[in-house]
Amino acid sequence: MTERTTVRLPEDLIRRAKRKAAAEGRTLTALIEQGLRLVVSKPRRAKTERVLPRVSKATGGPMPGIDITDGSALQEMDDLEYVERMKHFK
């Protein structure tokens, strides 16, 4: 049996989640359910994984157009790259 509930999420997070769900051809509910299952099934780790920006091999710094101070933009870029990689596994 499923239960209906209301959650309050930051606007940028819900926008990214909706985009990711659409790109994967599933509902926002399915995406949230999968995420919650992952979080509650995994034991807590002391360190969290960090999303690092791509680095230019030519200059040694971030790739052109990447603002390393904008965490949400970095996460969105990582999400979009993930979706592209997953398209090849269908």
Protein backbone atom coordinates (compact mmCIF):
# COMPACT_ATOMS: atom_id res chain seq x y z
CA MET A 1 0.00 0.00 0.00
CA THR A 2 1.33 3.44 -0.85
CA GLU A 3 0.92 6.56 1.23
CA ARG A 4 0.50 10.07 -0.07
CA THR A 5 2.61 12.75 1.61
CA THR A 6 3.78 16.32 1.09
CA VAL A 7 7.41 17.35 1.20
CA ARG A 8 9.00 20.77 0.87
CA LEU A 9 12.06 20.87 -1.36
CA PRO A 10 14.22 23.72 -2.69
CA GLU A 11 13.03 24.93 -6.11
CA ASP A 12 16.35 24.24 -7.83
CA LEU A 13 16.40 20.67 -6.51
CA ILE A 14 12.86 19.90 -7.66
CA ARG A 15 13.59 21.40 -11.11
CA ARG A 16 16.68 19.21 -11.49
CA ALA A 17 14.79 16.16 -10.25
CA LYS A 18 11.94 16.72 -12.71
CA ARG A 19 14.42 17.15 -15.56
CA LYS A 20 16.29 13.97 -14.59
CA ALA A 21 13.07 11.95 -14.28
CA ALA A 22 11.87 13.17 -17.69
CA ALA A 23 15.23 12.40 -19.30
CA GLU A 24 15.04 8.87 -17.91
CA GLY A 25 11.41 8.44 -18.98
CA ARG A 26 9.97 7.95 -15.51
CA THR A 27 7.92 9.83 -12.96
CA LEU A 28 9.20 12.16 -10.29
CA THR A 29 7.63 9.83 -7.73
CA ALA A 30 9.67 6.89 -9.05
CA LEU A 31 12.87 8.96 -8.91
CA ILE A 32 12.20 10.07 -5.32
CA GLU A 33 11.27 6.53 -4.28
CA GLN A 34 14.51 5.13 -5.72
CA GLY A 35 16.54 7.85 -3.99
CA LEU A 36 14.91 7.22 -0.63
CA ARG A 37 15.42 3.47 -0.96
CA LEU A 38 19.12 4.05 -1.66
CA VAL A 39 19.51 6.38 1.30
CA VAL A 40 17.73 4.20 3.85
CA SER A 41 19.33 0.95 2.68
CA LYS A 42 22.96 2.09 2.75
CA PRO A 43 24.94 2.24 5.97
CA ARG A 44 26.21 5.72 6.78
CA ARG A 45 29.71 6.53 5.67
CA ALA A 46 32.01 8.87 7.50
CA LYS A 47 32.96 10.77 4.34
CA THR A 48 30.60 11.88 1.61
CA GLU A 49 31.55 11.74 -2.04
CA ARG A 50 32.34 15.12 -3.55
CA VAL A 51 31.44 16.20 -7.05
CA LEU A 52 34.56 17.66 -8.60
CA PRO A 53 34.56 19.86 -11.69
CA ARG A 54 36.19 18.64 -14.88
CA VAL A 55 39.75 19.87 -15.21
CA SER A 56 41.33 21.21 -18.38
CA LYS A 57 44.50 19.32 -19.20
CA ALA A 58 45.76 22.29 -21.22
CA THR A 59 45.75 24.87 -18.44
CA GLY A 60 45.33 22.74 -15.32
CA GLY A 61 42.28 24.74 -14.22
CA PRO A 62 38.54 24.24 -14.64
CA MET A 63 37.18 23.86 -18.16
CA PRO A 64 36.08 27.16 -19.74
CA GLY A 65 32.64 28.27 -18.58
CA ILE A 66 32.69 26.28 -15.31
CA ASP A 67 32.20 28.30 -12.13
CA ILE A 68 33.56 26.16 -9.28
CA THR A 69 31.82 28.35 -6.70
CA ASP A 70 28.34 27.43 -8.02
CA GLY A 71 27.64 24.05 -6.39
CA SER A 72 24.15 23.62 -7.84
CA ALA A 73 25.42 24.23 -11.39
CA LEU A 74 28.19 21.66 -10.86
CA GLN A 75 25.64 19.12 -9.59
CA GLU A 76 23.32 19.81 -12.52
CA MET A 77 26.20 19.33 -14.97
CA ASP A 78 27.04 16.02 -13.28
CA ASP A 79 23.37 14.94 -13.42
CA LEU A 80 23.16 15.71 -17.14
CA GLU A 81 26.38 13.77 -17.83
CA TYR A 82 24.98 10.84 -15.84
CA VAL A 83 21.77 10.84 -17.88
CA GLU A 84 23.79 10.82 -21.10
CA ARG A 85 25.88 7.87 -19.88
CA MET A 86 22.74 5.95 -18.83
CA LYS A 87 21.18 6.40 -22.31
CA HIS A 88 23.84 4.06 -23.66
CA PHE A 89 22.83 1.24 -21.26
CA LYS A 90 19.21 0.92 -22.42
